[in-house]
């Protein structure tokens, strides 16, 4: 079982779709799954416009049954996007697919939520996965430093409380940005507006000598 994690805007869903394409091109039979994608139910969508149909994971779904009892041919691997939204029990079920049924699992997701706390599903994946890797594509904070923290912004203001799961791009007035640790701690989701430059002071007037003044015949 592999778990690959990163902050938002790191290309996780793009990599999910690349994995799906690469494994299918090799003749392997896989199942693409997701939970709470921002684009809707039963779809994996990337921010660069790539999409694919996927099996939506319900909050109470048993993933072992979902994979093994589904109609159609058997699969040899499962790819899970938005894995941070899985419950710890569902992560245990993914481990059972690997250990008891020899089905490879590749999970992708966020490590921490907008408060800087680990999602329960991510915490369980870190414990159980055979391989845990951070994606080597780091988004940038507005200050130019690598961004590893996810921040929730409501009507332009960074917030630190509220429901853990609020899907961005769908809730009115709710969005997410990625920040470095310093600016996440400071609660600064955006670069401060530059202060207006002071107006230049007028140059002092100088007295002009009349033409011919001081000329002696």
N, C-alpha and C. Protein backbone atom coordinates (compact mmCIF):
# COMPACT_ATOMS: atom_id res chain seq x y z
N UNK A 1 0.85 -1.19 0.00
CA UNK A 1 0.00 0.00 0.00
C UNK A 1 0.89 1.24 0.00
N UNK A 2 0.60 2.14 -0.93
CA UNK A 2 1.37 3.37 -1.07
C UNK A 2 0.48 4.56 -0.73
N UNK A 3 1.04 5.52 0.00
CA UNK A 3 0.31 6.76 0.27
C UNK A 3 1.19 7.93 -0.15
N UNK A 4 0.69 8.72 -1.09
CA UNK A 4 1.41 9.90 -1.56
C UNK A 4 0.58 11.13 -1.20
N UNK A 5 1.23 12.06 -0.53
CA UNK A 5 0.50 13.21 0.01
C UNK A 5 1.20 14.51 -0.35
N UNK A 6 0.46 15.59 -0.30
CA UNK A 6 1.01 16.92 -0.55
C UNK A 6 -0.06 17.94 -0.19
N UNK A 7 0.34 19.21 -0.19
CA UNK A 7 -0.63 20.28 0.01
C UNK A 7 -1.49 20.43 -1.24
N UNK A 8 -2.50 21.26 -1.15
CA UNK A 8 -3.35 21.51 -2.31
C UNK A 8 -2.53 22.17 -3.42
N UNK A 9 -3.03 22.03 -4.64
CA UNK A 9 -2.39 22.62 -5.82
C UNK A 9 -1.04 22.01 -6.14
N UNK A 10 -0.83 20.76 -5.70
CA UNK A 10 0.44 20.09 -5.97
C UNK A 10 0.36 19.11 -7.15
N UNK A 11 -0.82 18.96 -7.73
CA UNK A 11 -0.97 18.05 -8.85
C UNK A 11 -1.28 16.62 -8.45
N UNK A 12 -1.87 16.42 -7.26
CA UNK A 12 -2.17 15.06 -6.82
C UNK A 12 -3.15 14.36 -7.77
N UNK A 13 -4.24 15.03 -8.09
CA UNK A 13 -5.24 14.39 -8.95
C UNK A 13 -4.70 14.18 -10.36
N UNK A 14 -3.85 15.07 -10.82
CA UNK A 14 -3.21 14.86 -12.11
C UNK A 14 -2.36 13.59 -12.09
N UNK A 15 -1.64 13.38 -11.00
CA UNK A 15 -0.83 12.17 -10.88
C UNK A 15 -1.72 10.93 -10.76
N UNK A 16 -2.84 11.05 -10.07
CA UNK A 16 -3.78 9.93 -9.99
C UNK A 16 -4.19 9.49 -11.40
N UNK A 17 -4.55 10.45 -12.23
CA UNK A 17 -4.99 10.12 -13.58
C UNK A 17 -3.84 9.59 -14.43
N UNK A 18 -2.62 10.05 -14.17
CA UNK A 18 -1.46 9.50 -14.88
C UNK A 18 -1.22 8.05 -14.48
N UNK A 19 -1.33 7.76 -13.19
CA UNK A 19 -1.21 6.37 -12.72
C UNK A 19 -2.23 5.49 -13.42
N UNK A 20 -3.46 5.96 -13.46
CA UNK A 20 -4.54 5.18 -14.10
C UNK A 20 -4.19 4.89 -15.55
N UNK A 21 -3.74 5.89 -16.27
CA UNK A 21 -3.39 5.72 -17.68
C UNK A 21 -2.22 4.76 -17.86
N UNK A 22 -1.18 4.95 -17.05
CA UNK A 22 0.03 4.13 -17.19
C UNK A 22 -0.24 2.66 -16.91
N UNK A 23 -0.98 2.40 -15.84
CA UNK A 23 -1.26 1.00 -15.49
C UNK A 23 -2.19 0.35 -16.50
N UNK A 24 -3.16 1.10 -17.01
CA UNK A 24 -4.04 0.55 -18.04
C UNK A 24 -3.27 0.25 -19.31
N UNK A 25 -2.31 1.11 -19.65
CA UNK A 25 -1.50 0.88 -20.86
C UNK A 25 -0.65 -0.37 -20.74
N UNK A 26 -0.34 -0.78 -19.51
CA UNK A 26 0.44 -2.00 -19.28
C UNK A 26 -0.43 -3.25 -19.22
N UNK A 27 -1.73 -3.07 -19.42
CA UNK A 27 -2.62 -4.21 -19.40
C UNK A 27 -3.13 -4.60 -18.03
N UNK A 28 -2.87 -3.77 -17.02
CA UNK A 28 -3.36 -4.10 -15.68
C UNK A 28 -4.80 -3.61 -15.52
N UNK A 29 -5.54 -4.31 -14.69
CA UNK A 29 -6.95 -4.01 -14.47
C UNK A 29 -7.09 -3.30 -13.13
N UNK A 30 -7.52 -2.07 -13.17
CA UNK A 30 -7.60 -1.29 -11.94
C UNK A 30 -8.97 -0.70 -11.71
N UNK A 31 -9.13 -0.16 -10.52
CA UNK A 31 -10.37 0.51 -10.13
C UNK A 31 -10.01 1.87 -9.57
N UNK A 32 -10.59 2.91 -10.15
CA UNK A 32 -10.35 4.28 -9.70
C UNK A 32 -11.47 4.67 -8.75
N UNK A 33 -11.09 5.14 -7.57
CA UNK A 33 -12.07 5.50 -6.54
C UNK A 33 -11.77 6.89 -6.00
N UNK A 34 -12.78 7.54 -5.47
CA UNK A 34 -12.58 8.86 -4.89
C UNK A 34 -13.65 9.12 -3.84
N UNK A 35 -13.43 10.21 -3.11
CA UNK A 35 -14.43 10.64 -2.12
C UNK A 35 -14.44 12.16 -2.06
N UNK A 36 -15.60 12.72 -2.33
CA UNK A 36 -15.82 14.17 -2.17
C UNK A 36 -14.92 15.01 -3.06
N UNK A 37 -14.83 14.65 -4.33
CA UNK A 37 -14.11 15.51 -5.27
C UNK A 37 -14.88 16.82 -5.43
N UNK A 38 -14.15 17.92 -5.60
CA UNK A 38 -14.80 19.22 -5.69
C UNK A 38 -15.69 19.34 -6.92
N UNK A 39 -15.46 18.49 -7.96
CA UNK A 39 -16.23 18.59 -9.19
C UNK A 39 -17.55 17.84 -9.13
N UNK A 40 -17.75 17.02 -8.09
CA UNK A 40 -19.00 16.29 -7.98
C UNK A 40 -18.80 14.85 -7.59
N UNK A 41 -19.89 14.09 -7.63
CA UNK A 41 -19.87 12.70 -7.21
C UNK A 41 -19.38 11.80 -8.34
N UNK A 42 -18.51 10.84 -7.98
CA UNK A 42 -18.08 9.84 -8.94
C UNK A 42 -17.19 10.38 -10.04
N UNK A 43 -16.30 11.30 -9.70
CA UNK A 43 -15.40 11.87 -10.70
C UNK A 43 -14.09 12.26 -10.03
N UNK A 44 -13.00 12.09 -10.75
CA UNK A 44 -11.70 12.63 -10.35
C UNK A 44 -11.39 13.78 -11.30
N UNK A 45 -11.14 14.94 -10.75
CA UNK A 45 -10.87 16.12 -11.59
C UNK A 45 -9.57 16.78 -11.14
N UNK A 46 -8.79 17.20 -12.11
CA UNK A 46 -7.55 17.92 -11.80
C UNK A 46 -7.74 19.39 -12.16
N UNK A 47 -6.91 20.22 -11.59
CA UNK A 47 -7.04 21.66 -11.82
C UNK A 47 -6.56 22.07 -13.20
N UNK A 48 -5.92 21.16 -13.93
CA UNK A 48 -5.51 21.49 -15.30
C UNK A 48 -6.53 21.00 -16.32
N UNK A 49 -7.68 20.52 -15.84
CA UNK A 49 -8.78 20.20 -16.74
C UNK A 49 -8.98 18.73 -17.06
N UNK A 50 -8.12 17.84 -16.56
CA UNK A 50 -8.28 16.41 -16.82
C UNK A 50 -9.32 15.83 -15.87
N UNK A 51 -10.15 14.92 -16.37
CA UNK A 51 -11.16 14.28 -15.53
C UNK A 51 -11.30 12.81 -15.92
N UNK A 52 -11.86 12.03 -15.02
CA UNK A 52 -12.17 10.62 -15.30
C UNK A 52 -13.27 10.18 -14.35
N UNK A 53 -14.12 9.29 -14.84
CA UNK A 53 -15.14 8.72 -13.98
C UNK A 53 -14.49 7.83 -12.92
N UNK A 54 -15.09 7.81 -11.75
CA UNK A 54 -14.53 7.02 -10.64
C UNK A 54 -15.67 6.48 -9.79
N UNK A 55 -15.37 5.49 -9.00
CA UNK A 55 -16.34 4.94 -8.06
C UNK A 55 -16.33 5.79 -6.80
N UNK A 56 -17.47 6.38 -6.47
CA UNK A 56 -17.57 7.22 -5.28
C UNK A 56 -17.62 6.36 -4.02
N UNK A 57 -16.83 6.73 -3.02
CA UNK A 57 -16.79 6.01 -1.75
C UNK A 57 -17.73 6.70 -0.77
N UNK A 58 -18.73 6.00 -0.30
CA UNK A 58 -19.64 6.55 0.69
C UNK A 58 -19.01 6.57 2.07
N UNK A 59 -19.59 7.37 2.95
CA UNK A 59 -19.03 7.52 4.30
C UNK A 59 -19.03 6.21 5.06
N UNK A 60 -20.00 5.35 4.82
CA UNK A 60 -20.13 4.09 5.56
C UNK A 60 -19.73 2.88 4.72
N UNK A 61 -19.18 3.09 3.55
CA UNK A 61 -18.88 1.98 2.64
C UNK A 61 -17.78 1.08 3.21
N UNK A 62 -17.93 -0.21 2.99
CA UNK A 62 -16.88 -1.18 3.29
C UNK A 62 -16.07 -1.36 2.01
N UNK A 63 -14.83 -0.90 2.02
CA UNK A 63 -14.05 -0.89 0.78
C UNK A 63 -13.68 -2.29 0.33
N UNK A 64 -13.55 -3.21 1.26
CA UNK A 64 -13.27 -4.59 0.87
C UNK A 64 -14.43 -5.14 0.05
N UNK A 65 -15.65 -4.96 0.54
CA UNK A 65 -16.82 -5.41 -0.20
C UNK A 65 -17.00 -4.62 -1.49
N UNK A 66 -16.74 -3.32 -1.43
CA UNK A 66 -16.92 -2.47 -2.60
C UNK A 66 -16.06 -2.93 -3.77
N UNK A 67 -14.85 -3.37 -3.46
CA UNK A 67 -13.93 -3.82 -4.51
C UNK A 67 -14.20 -5.26 -4.92
N UNK A 68 -14.39 -6.14 -3.95
CA UNK A 68 -14.48 -7.57 -4.26
C UNK A 68 -15.85 -7.99 -4.77
N UNK A 69 -16.91 -7.30 -4.36
CA UNK A 69 -18.26 -7.72 -4.73
C UNK A 69 -18.86 -6.91 -5.87
N UNK A 70 -18.11 -5.98 -6.42
CA UNK A 70 -18.64 -5.18 -7.52
C UNK A 70 -18.79 -6.05 -8.76
N UNK A 71 -19.76 -5.75 -9.62
CA UNK A 71 -19.90 -6.52 -10.86
C UNK A 71 -18.74 -6.22 -11.81
N UNK A 72 -18.45 -7.18 -12.67
CA UNK A 72 -17.39 -6.98 -13.64
C UNK A 72 -16.16 -7.79 -13.30
N UNK A 73 -15.13 -7.67 -14.12
CA UNK A 73 -13.90 -8.45 -13.91
C UNK A 73 -13.19 -8.02 -12.63
N UNK A 74 -12.39 -8.93 -12.10
CA UNK A 74 -11.61 -8.62 -10.91
C UNK A 74 -10.51 -7.63 -11.25
N UNK A 75 -9.96 -6.99 -10.22
CA UNK A 75 -8.92 -5.98 -10.43
C UNK A 75 -7.67 -6.40 -9.68
N UNK A 76 -6.52 -5.87 -10.15
CA UNK A 76 -5.26 -6.16 -9.46
C UNK A 76 -4.69 -4.95 -8.75
N UNK A 77 -5.35 -3.79 -8.91
CA UNK A 77 -4.91 -2.62 -8.16
C UNK A 77 -6.07 -1.64 -8.01
N UNK A 78 -5.97 -0.82 -6.98
CA UNK A 78 -6.97 0.20 -6.69
C UNK A 78 -6.23 1.53 -6.52
N UNK A 79 -6.76 2.58 -7.14
CA UNK A 79 -6.20 3.92 -7.00
C UNK A 79 -7.26 4.79 -6.32
N UNK A 80 -6.89 5.42 -5.22
CA UNK A 80 -7.84 6.20 -4.42
C UNK A 80 -7.40 7.66 -4.38
N UNK A 81 -8.25 8.55 -4.87
CA UNK A 81 -7.99 9.98 -4.74
C UNK A 81 -8.77 10.53 -3.55
N UNK A 82 -8.33 11.67 -3.03
CA UNK A 82 -8.94 12.31 -1.85
C UNK A 82 -9.00 11.33 -0.68
N UNK A 83 -7.91 10.59 -0.49
CA UNK A 83 -7.89 9.55 0.55
C UNK A 83 -7.93 10.12 1.95
N UNK A 84 -7.68 11.41 2.11
CA UNK A 84 -7.74 12.00 3.46
C UNK A 84 -9.15 11.93 4.03
N UNK A 85 -10.16 11.82 3.16
CA UNK A 85 -11.54 11.79 3.62
C UNK A 85 -12.02 10.40 4.02
N UNK A 86 -11.17 9.38 3.88
CA UNK A 86 -11.54 8.04 4.32
C UNK A 86 -11.55 7.98 5.85
N UNK A 87 -12.34 7.08 6.38
CA UNK A 87 -12.30 6.84 7.82
C UNK A 87 -11.13 5.91 8.13
N UNK A 88 -10.66 5.89 9.38
CA UNK A 88 -9.60 4.94 9.73
C UNK A 88 -10.00 3.49 9.43
N UNK A 89 -11.27 3.13 9.65
CA UNK A 89 -11.71 1.77 9.34
C UNK A 89 -11.59 1.48 7.85
N UNK A 90 -11.90 2.46 7.02
CA UNK A 90 -11.78 2.24 5.58
C UNK A 90 -10.33 2.07 5.15
N UNK A 91 -9.42 2.76 5.81
CA UNK A 91 -8.00 2.55 5.52
C UNK A 91 -7.59 1.13 5.91
N UNK A 92 -8.10 0.64 7.03
CA UNK A 92 -7.84 -0.75 7.42
C UNK A 92 -8.35 -1.71 6.35
N UNK A 93 -9.48 -1.39 5.75
CA UNK A 93 -10.03 -2.24 4.70
C UNK A 93 -9.15 -2.22 3.45
N UNK A 94 -8.54 -1.10 3.14
CA UNK A 94 -7.58 -1.06 2.04
C UNK A 94 -6.39 -1.96 2.33
N UNK A 95 -5.92 -1.92 3.58
CA UNK A 95 -4.80 -2.79 3.95
C UNK A 95 -5.18 -4.26 3.80
N UNK A 96 -6.44 -4.59 4.09
CA UNK A 96 -6.90 -5.98 3.93
C UNK A 96 -6.89 -6.39 2.47
N UNK A 97 -7.21 -5.47 1.57
CA UNK A 97 -7.14 -5.79 0.14
C UNK A 97 -5.73 -6.17 -0.27
N UNK A 98 -4.76 -5.46 0.29
CA UNK A 98 -3.36 -5.75 -0.03
C UNK A 98 -2.93 -7.08 0.57
N UNK A 99 -3.16 -7.24 1.85
CA UNK A 99 -2.62 -8.39 2.58
C UNK A 99 -3.36 -9.69 2.28
N UNK A 100 -4.67 -9.61 2.14
CA UNK A 100 -5.48 -10.82 2.02
C UNK A 100 -5.84 -11.18 0.58
N UNK A 101 -5.74 -10.19 -0.34
CA UNK A 101 -6.21 -10.44 -1.70
C UNK A 101 -5.19 -10.04 -2.77
N UNK A 102 -4.00 -9.62 -2.35
CA UNK A 102 -2.92 -9.28 -3.28
C UNK A 102 -3.34 -8.21 -4.30
N UNK A 103 -4.08 -7.24 -3.83
CA UNK A 103 -4.49 -6.11 -4.66
C UNK A 103 -3.67 -4.89 -4.24
N UNK A 104 -2.91 -4.33 -5.16
CA UNK A 104 -2.11 -3.15 -4.85
C UNK A 104 -3.02 -1.94 -4.62
N UNK A 105 -2.65 -1.10 -3.68
CA UNK A 105 -3.41 0.10 -3.37
C UNK A 105 -2.49 1.31 -3.47
N UNK A 106 -2.94 2.31 -4.23
CA UNK A 106 -2.22 3.58 -4.36
C UNK A 106 -3.18 4.68 -3.92
N UNK A 107 -2.89 5.29 -2.78
CA UNK A 107 -3.76 6.32 -2.22
C UNK A 107 -3.07 7.68 -2.31
N UNK A 108 -3.86 8.70 -2.62
CA UNK A 108 -3.35 10.06 -2.75
C UNK A 108 -4.24 11.00 -1.95
N UNK A 109 -3.63 11.95 -1.25
CA UNK A 109 -4.46 12.88 -0.49
C UNK A 109 -3.66 13.94 0.23
N UNK A 110 -4.38 14.75 0.98
CA UNK A 110 -3.77 15.76 1.84
C UNK A 110 -3.34 15.12 3.14
N UNK A 111 -2.29 15.66 3.73
CA UNK A 111 -1.86 15.16 5.02
C UNK A 111 -2.59 15.86 6.16
N UNK A 112 -2.81 17.17 6.02
CA UNK A 112 -3.41 17.94 7.11
C UNK A 112 -4.54 18.82 6.60
N UNK A 113 -5.42 19.23 7.53
CA UNK A 113 -6.56 20.05 7.17
C UNK A 113 -6.22 21.53 7.30
N UNK A 114 -7.24 22.38 7.19
CA UNK A 114 -7.01 23.83 7.19
C UNK A 114 -6.53 24.34 8.54
N UNK A 115 -6.67 23.55 9.60
CA UNK A 115 -6.19 23.95 10.92
C UNK A 115 -4.75 23.52 11.17
N UNK A 116 -4.20 22.74 10.23
CA UNK A 116 -2.86 22.20 10.42
C UNK A 116 -2.86 20.90 11.19
N UNK A 117 -4.01 20.23 11.29
CA UNK A 117 -4.13 18.95 11.99
C UNK A 117 -4.32 17.83 10.97
N UNK A 118 -3.76 16.65 11.27
CA UNK A 118 -3.90 15.53 10.36
C UNK A 118 -5.36 15.08 10.26
N UNK A 119 -5.76 14.77 9.03
CA UNK A 119 -7.04 14.08 8.85
C UNK A 119 -6.93 12.70 9.48
N UNK A 120 -8.00 12.19 10.09
CA UNK A 120 -7.94 10.83 10.65
C UNK A 120 -7.57 9.78 9.61
N UNK A 121 -8.09 9.90 8.40
CA UNK A 121 -7.74 8.95 7.36
C UNK A 121 -6.28 9.01 6.99
N UNK A 122 -5.74 10.22 6.88
CA UNK A 122 -4.32 10.38 6.56
C UNK A 122 -3.44 9.83 7.67
N UNK A 123 -3.82 10.09 8.91
CA UNK A 123 -3.03 9.58 10.04
C UNK A 123 -2.96 8.06 10.01
N UNK A 124 -4.08 7.42 9.67
CA UNK A 124 -4.08 5.96 9.62
C UNK A 124 -3.27 5.46 8.43
N UNK A 125 -3.33 6.16 7.31
CA UNK A 125 -2.53 5.77 6.15
C UNK A 125 -1.04 5.86 6.44
N UNK A 126 -0.63 6.89 7.16
CA UNK A 126 0.79 7.03 7.52
C UNK A 126 1.24 5.84 8.36
N UNK A 127 0.36 5.34 9.21
CA UNK A 127 0.71 4.20 10.06
C UNK A 127 0.77 2.90 9.26
N UNK A 128 -0.19 2.68 8.35
CA UNK A 128 -0.34 1.38 7.72
C UNK A 128 0.36 1.24 6.37
N UNK A 129 0.57 2.33 5.66
CA UNK A 129 1.11 2.21 4.30
C UNK A 129 2.53 1.67 4.32
N UNK A 130 2.84 0.84 3.33
CA UNK A 130 4.20 0.33 3.18
C UNK A 130 5.15 1.43 2.71
N UNK A 131 4.62 2.34 1.90
CA UNK A 131 5.41 3.45 1.38
C UNK A 131 4.62 4.73 1.60
N UNK A 132 5.23 5.70 2.27
CA UNK A 132 4.62 7.02 2.46
C UNK A 132 5.57 8.05 1.85
N UNK A 133 5.07 8.81 0.89
CA UNK A 133 5.92 9.76 0.19
C UNK A 133 5.21 11.10 0.05
N UNK A 134 5.98 12.17 0.17
CA UNK A 134 5.48 13.50 -0.17
C UNK A 134 5.76 13.74 -1.64
N UNK A 135 4.77 14.22 -2.36
CA UNK A 135 4.99 14.54 -3.77
C UNK A 135 6.05 15.62 -3.88
N UNK A 136 6.93 15.45 -4.83
CA UNK A 136 8.05 16.38 -4.98
C UNK A 136 7.70 17.56 -5.86
N UNK A 137 6.47 18.01 -5.77
CA UNK A 137 6.03 19.22 -6.46
C UNK A 137 5.43 20.12 -5.39
N UNK A 138 6.11 21.21 -5.07
CA UNK A 138 5.67 22.05 -3.97
C UNK A 138 5.03 23.33 -4.52
N UNK A 139 3.77 23.58 -4.18
CA UNK A 139 3.20 24.88 -4.53
C UNK A 139 3.88 25.98 -3.73
N UNK A 140 3.67 27.20 -4.15
CA UNK A 140 4.33 28.32 -3.51
C UNK A 140 3.35 29.18 -2.73
N UNK A 141 3.77 29.58 -1.55
CA UNK A 141 3.06 30.60 -0.79
C UNK A 141 3.19 31.93 -1.52
N UNK A 142 2.34 32.88 -1.19
CA UNK A 142 2.42 34.18 -1.84
C UNK A 142 3.76 34.87 -1.60
N UNK A 143 4.47 34.46 -0.54
CA UNK A 143 5.76 35.08 -0.23
C UNK A 143 6.90 34.47 -1.03
N UNK A 144 6.63 33.38 -1.76
CA UNK A 144 7.66 32.73 -2.55
C UNK A 144 8.27 31.50 -1.92
N UNK A 145 7.93 31.22 -0.65
CA UNK A 145 8.44 30.04 0.02
C UNK A 145 7.57 28.82 -0.30
N UNK A 146 8.14 27.60 -0.21
CA UNK A 146 7.32 26.41 -0.43
C UNK A 146 6.13 26.37 0.53
N UNK A 147 4.97 26.02 -0.01
CA UNK A 147 3.74 25.99 0.79
C UNK A 147 3.40 24.55 1.15
N UNK A 148 3.29 24.28 2.44
CA UNK A 148 2.94 22.94 2.91
C UNK A 148 1.66 22.94 3.74
N UNK A 149 1.07 24.11 3.95
CA UNK A 149 -0.10 24.23 4.82
C UNK A 149 -1.31 24.64 3.97
N UNK A 150 -2.46 24.04 4.29
CA UNK A 150 -3.71 24.38 3.63
C UNK A 150 -4.49 25.35 4.51
N UNK A 151 -5.02 26.40 3.92
CA UNK A 151 -5.77 27.39 4.68
C UNK A 151 -7.15 27.57 4.07
N UNK A 152 -8.15 27.70 4.93
CA UNK A 152 -9.52 27.98 4.47
C UNK A 152 -9.77 29.47 4.58
N UNK A 153 -10.34 30.02 3.51
CA UNK A 153 -10.63 31.45 3.46
C UNK A 153 -12.13 31.62 3.22
N UNK A 154 -12.77 32.37 4.09
CA UNK A 154 -14.21 32.64 3.97
C UNK A 154 -14.39 34.14 3.78
N UNK A 155 -14.92 34.50 2.62
CA UNK A 155 -15.13 35.91 2.29
C UNK A 155 -13.86 36.72 2.48
N UNK A 156 -12.74 36.14 2.06
CA UNK A 156 -11.47 36.84 2.09
C UNK A 156 -10.71 36.78 3.39
N UNK A 157 -11.27 36.12 4.41
CA UNK A 157 -10.64 36.07 5.73
C UNK A 157 -10.27 34.63 6.05
N UNK A 158 -9.04 34.38 6.51
CA UNK A 158 -8.62 33.04 6.90
C UNK A 158 -9.30 32.66 8.21
N UNK A 159 -9.85 31.43 8.24
CA UNK A 159 -10.55 30.95 9.44
C UNK A 159 -9.86 29.70 9.96
N UNK A 160 -10.02 29.45 11.26
CA UNK A 160 -9.39 28.29 11.89
C UNK A 160 -10.41 27.38 12.58
N UNK A 161 -11.69 27.66 12.40
CA UNK A 161 -12.70 26.78 12.98
C UNK A 161 -13.77 26.51 11.93
N UNK A 162 -14.63 25.55 12.24
CA UNK A 162 -15.66 25.13 11.29
C UNK A 162 -15.56 23.65 11.02
N UNK A 163 -16.45 23.15 10.18
CA UNK A 163 -16.45 21.73 9.82
C UNK A 163 -15.14 21.36 9.14
N UNK A 164 -14.65 20.17 9.45
CA UNK A 164 -13.41 19.71 8.83
C UNK A 164 -13.56 19.57 7.33
N UNK A 165 -14.70 19.07 6.88
CA UNK A 165 -14.92 18.84 5.45
C UNK A 165 -15.86 19.90 4.91
N UNK A 166 -15.32 20.83 4.16
CA UNK A 166 -16.08 21.77 3.36
C UNK A 166 -15.38 21.82 2.02
N UNK A 167 -16.04 21.33 0.98
CA UNK A 167 -15.38 21.19 -0.31
C UNK A 167 -15.25 22.55 -0.95
N UNK A 168 -14.02 22.97 -1.24
CA UNK A 168 -13.77 24.25 -1.87
C UNK A 168 -14.29 24.29 -3.29
N UNK A 169 -14.48 25.48 -3.83
CA UNK A 169 -14.96 25.73 -5.18
C UNK A 169 -16.46 25.46 -5.31
N UNK A 170 -17.11 24.96 -4.26
CA UNK A 170 -18.54 24.66 -4.35
C UNK A 170 -19.36 25.45 -3.34
N UNK A 171 -18.80 25.72 -2.18
CA UNK A 171 -19.53 26.47 -1.16
C UNK A 171 -19.33 27.97 -1.40
N UNK A 172 -20.43 28.71 -1.41
CA UNK A 172 -20.34 30.14 -1.68
C UNK A 172 -19.46 30.84 -0.66
N UNK A 173 -18.52 31.62 -1.14
CA UNK A 173 -17.67 32.39 -0.26
C UNK A 173 -16.54 31.63 0.39
N UNK A 174 -16.43 30.31 0.13
CA UNK A 174 -15.41 29.48 0.76
C UNK A 174 -14.36 29.10 -0.27
N UNK A 175 -13.11 29.31 0.07
CA UNK A 175 -12.02 28.91 -0.81
C UNK A 175 -10.84 28.43 0.01
N UNK A 176 -9.83 27.93 -0.68
CA UNK A 176 -8.63 27.44 -0.02
C UNK A 176 -7.40 28.01 -0.70
N UNK A 177 -6.39 28.29 0.09
CA UNK A 177 -5.09 28.70 -0.43
C UNK A 177 -4.02 27.89 0.29
N UNK A 178 -2.86 27.82 -0.31
CA UNK A 178 -1.74 27.12 0.33
C UNK A 178 -0.74 28.15 0.82
N UNK A 179 -0.19 27.91 2.01
CA UNK A 179 0.69 28.87 2.66
C UNK A 179 1.91 28.18 3.24
N UNK A 180 2.97 28.94 3.43
CA UNK A 180 4.09 28.44 4.22
C UNK A 180 3.66 28.44 5.69
N UNK A 181 4.45 27.79 6.52
CA UNK A 181 4.09 27.70 7.94
C UNK A 181 3.98 29.08 8.58
N UNK A 182 4.92 29.96 8.25
CA UNK A 182 4.95 31.28 8.89
C UNK A 182 3.65 32.04 8.65
N UNK A 183 3.20 32.06 7.41
CA UNK A 183 2.02 32.86 7.12
C UNK A 183 0.73 32.12 7.46
N UNK A 184 0.78 30.80 7.57
CA UNK A 184 -0.37 30.08 8.12
C UNK A 184 -0.53 30.41 9.60
N UNK A 185 0.58 30.42 10.34
CA UNK A 185 0.52 30.76 11.76
C UNK A 185 0.08 32.21 11.95
N UNK A 186 0.50 33.08 11.05
CA UNK A 186 0.17 34.50 11.16
C UNK A 186 -1.24 34.81 10.67
N UNK A 187 -1.88 33.85 9.99
CA UNK A 187 -3.22 34.08 9.47
C UNK A 187 -3.25 35.06 8.32
N UNK A 188 -2.21 35.03 7.48
CA UNK A 188 -2.12 35.94 6.34
C UNK A 188 -2.26 35.15 5.04
N UNK A 189 -3.48 35.01 4.52
CA UNK A 189 -3.66 34.21 3.31
C UNK A 189 -3.23 34.90 2.03
N UNK A 190 -3.08 36.20 2.08
CA UNK A 190 -2.72 36.94 0.87
C UNK A 190 -1.61 37.94 1.19
N UNK A 191 -0.91 38.35 0.15
CA UNK A 191 0.12 39.37 0.32
C UNK A 191 -0.53 40.69 0.74
N UNK A 192 0.08 41.40 1.68
CA UNK A 192 -0.50 42.69 2.07
C UNK A 192 -0.46 43.68 0.91
N UNK A 193 -1.47 44.52 0.86
CA UNK A 193 -1.50 45.52 -0.19
C UNK A 193 -0.38 46.53 0.06
N UNK A 194 0.31 46.92 -1.00
CA UNK A 194 1.40 47.89 -0.80
C UNK A 194 0.86 49.23 -0.32
N UNK A 195 1.61 49.87 0.57
CA UNK A 195 1.20 51.18 1.05
C UNK A 195 1.35 52.20 -0.07
N UNK A 196 0.40 53.13 -0.16
CA UNK A 196 0.50 54.14 -1.23
C UNK A 196 1.75 55.00 -1.06
N UNK A 197 2.37 55.29 -2.16
CA UNK A 197 3.57 56.13 -2.10
C UNK A 197 3.17 57.56 -1.73
N UNK A 198 3.96 58.20 -0.86
CA UNK A 198 3.62 59.58 -0.49
C UNK A 198 3.74 60.51 -1.69
N UNK A 199 2.85 61.50 -1.71
CA UNK A 199 2.92 62.46 -2.81
C UNK A 199 4.18 63.31 -2.66
N UNK A 200 4.85 63.58 -3.77
CA UNK A 200 6.07 64.38 -3.68
C UNK A 200 5.77 65.80 -3.20
N UNK A 201 6.65 66.31 -2.34
CA UNK A 201 6.47 67.68 -1.86
C UNK A 201 6.78 68.66 -2.98
N UNK A 202 6.00 69.74 -3.04
CA UNK A 202 6.26 70.73 -4.10
C UNK A 202 7.61 71.40 -3.90
N UNK A 203 8.29 71.68 -4.98
CA UNK A 203 9.59 72.34 -4.90
C UNK A 203 9.39 73.79 -4.45
N UNK A 204 10.27 74.28 -3.57
CA UNK A 204 10.13 75.69 -3.12
C UNK A 204 10.36 76.65 -4.27
N UNK A 205 9.54 77.72 -4.26
CA UNK A 205 9.69 78.71 -5.32
C UNK A 205 10.95 79.55 -5.07
N UNK A 206 11.64 79.88 -6.11
CA UNK A 206 12.85 80.72 -6.02
C UNK A 206 12.55 82.08 -6.63
N UNK A 207 13.12 83.15 -5.99
CA UNK A 207 12.91 84.50 -6.52
C UNK A 207 13.70 84.68 -7.81
N UNK A 208 13.04 85.29 -8.77
CA UNK A 208 13.68 85.53 -10.05
C UNK A 208 14.16 86.98 -10.11
N UNK A 209 15.39 87.18 -10.57
CA UNK A 209 15.94 88.53 -10.72
C UNK A 209 15.41 89.14 -12.01
N UNK A 210 14.78 90.35 -11.92
CA UNK A 210 14.25 90.97 -13.15
C UNK A 210 15.37 91.18 -14.16
N UNK A 211 15.00 91.09 -15.41
CA UNK A 211 15.98 91.30 -16.48
C UNK A 211 16.51 92.73 -16.38
N UNK A 212 17.82 92.90 -16.40
CA UNK A 212 18.45 94.20 -16.35
C UNK A 212 18.73 94.70 -14.95
N UNK A 213 18.22 93.99 -13.94
CA UNK A 213 18.47 94.44 -12.57
C UNK A 213 19.94 94.31 -12.25
N UNK A 214 20.50 95.36 -11.60
CA UNK A 214 21.90 95.34 -11.21
C UNK A 214 22.83 95.82 -12.31
N UNK A 215 22.26 96.17 -13.51
CA UNK A 215 23.12 96.63 -14.60
C UNK A 215 23.37 98.12 -14.44
N UNK A 216 24.60 98.55 -14.44
CA UNK A 216 24.98 99.96 -14.25
C UNK A 216 25.53 100.49 -15.56
N UNK A 217 24.94 101.66 -16.00
CA UNK A 217 25.44 102.29 -17.22
C UNK A 217 26.81 102.89 -16.97
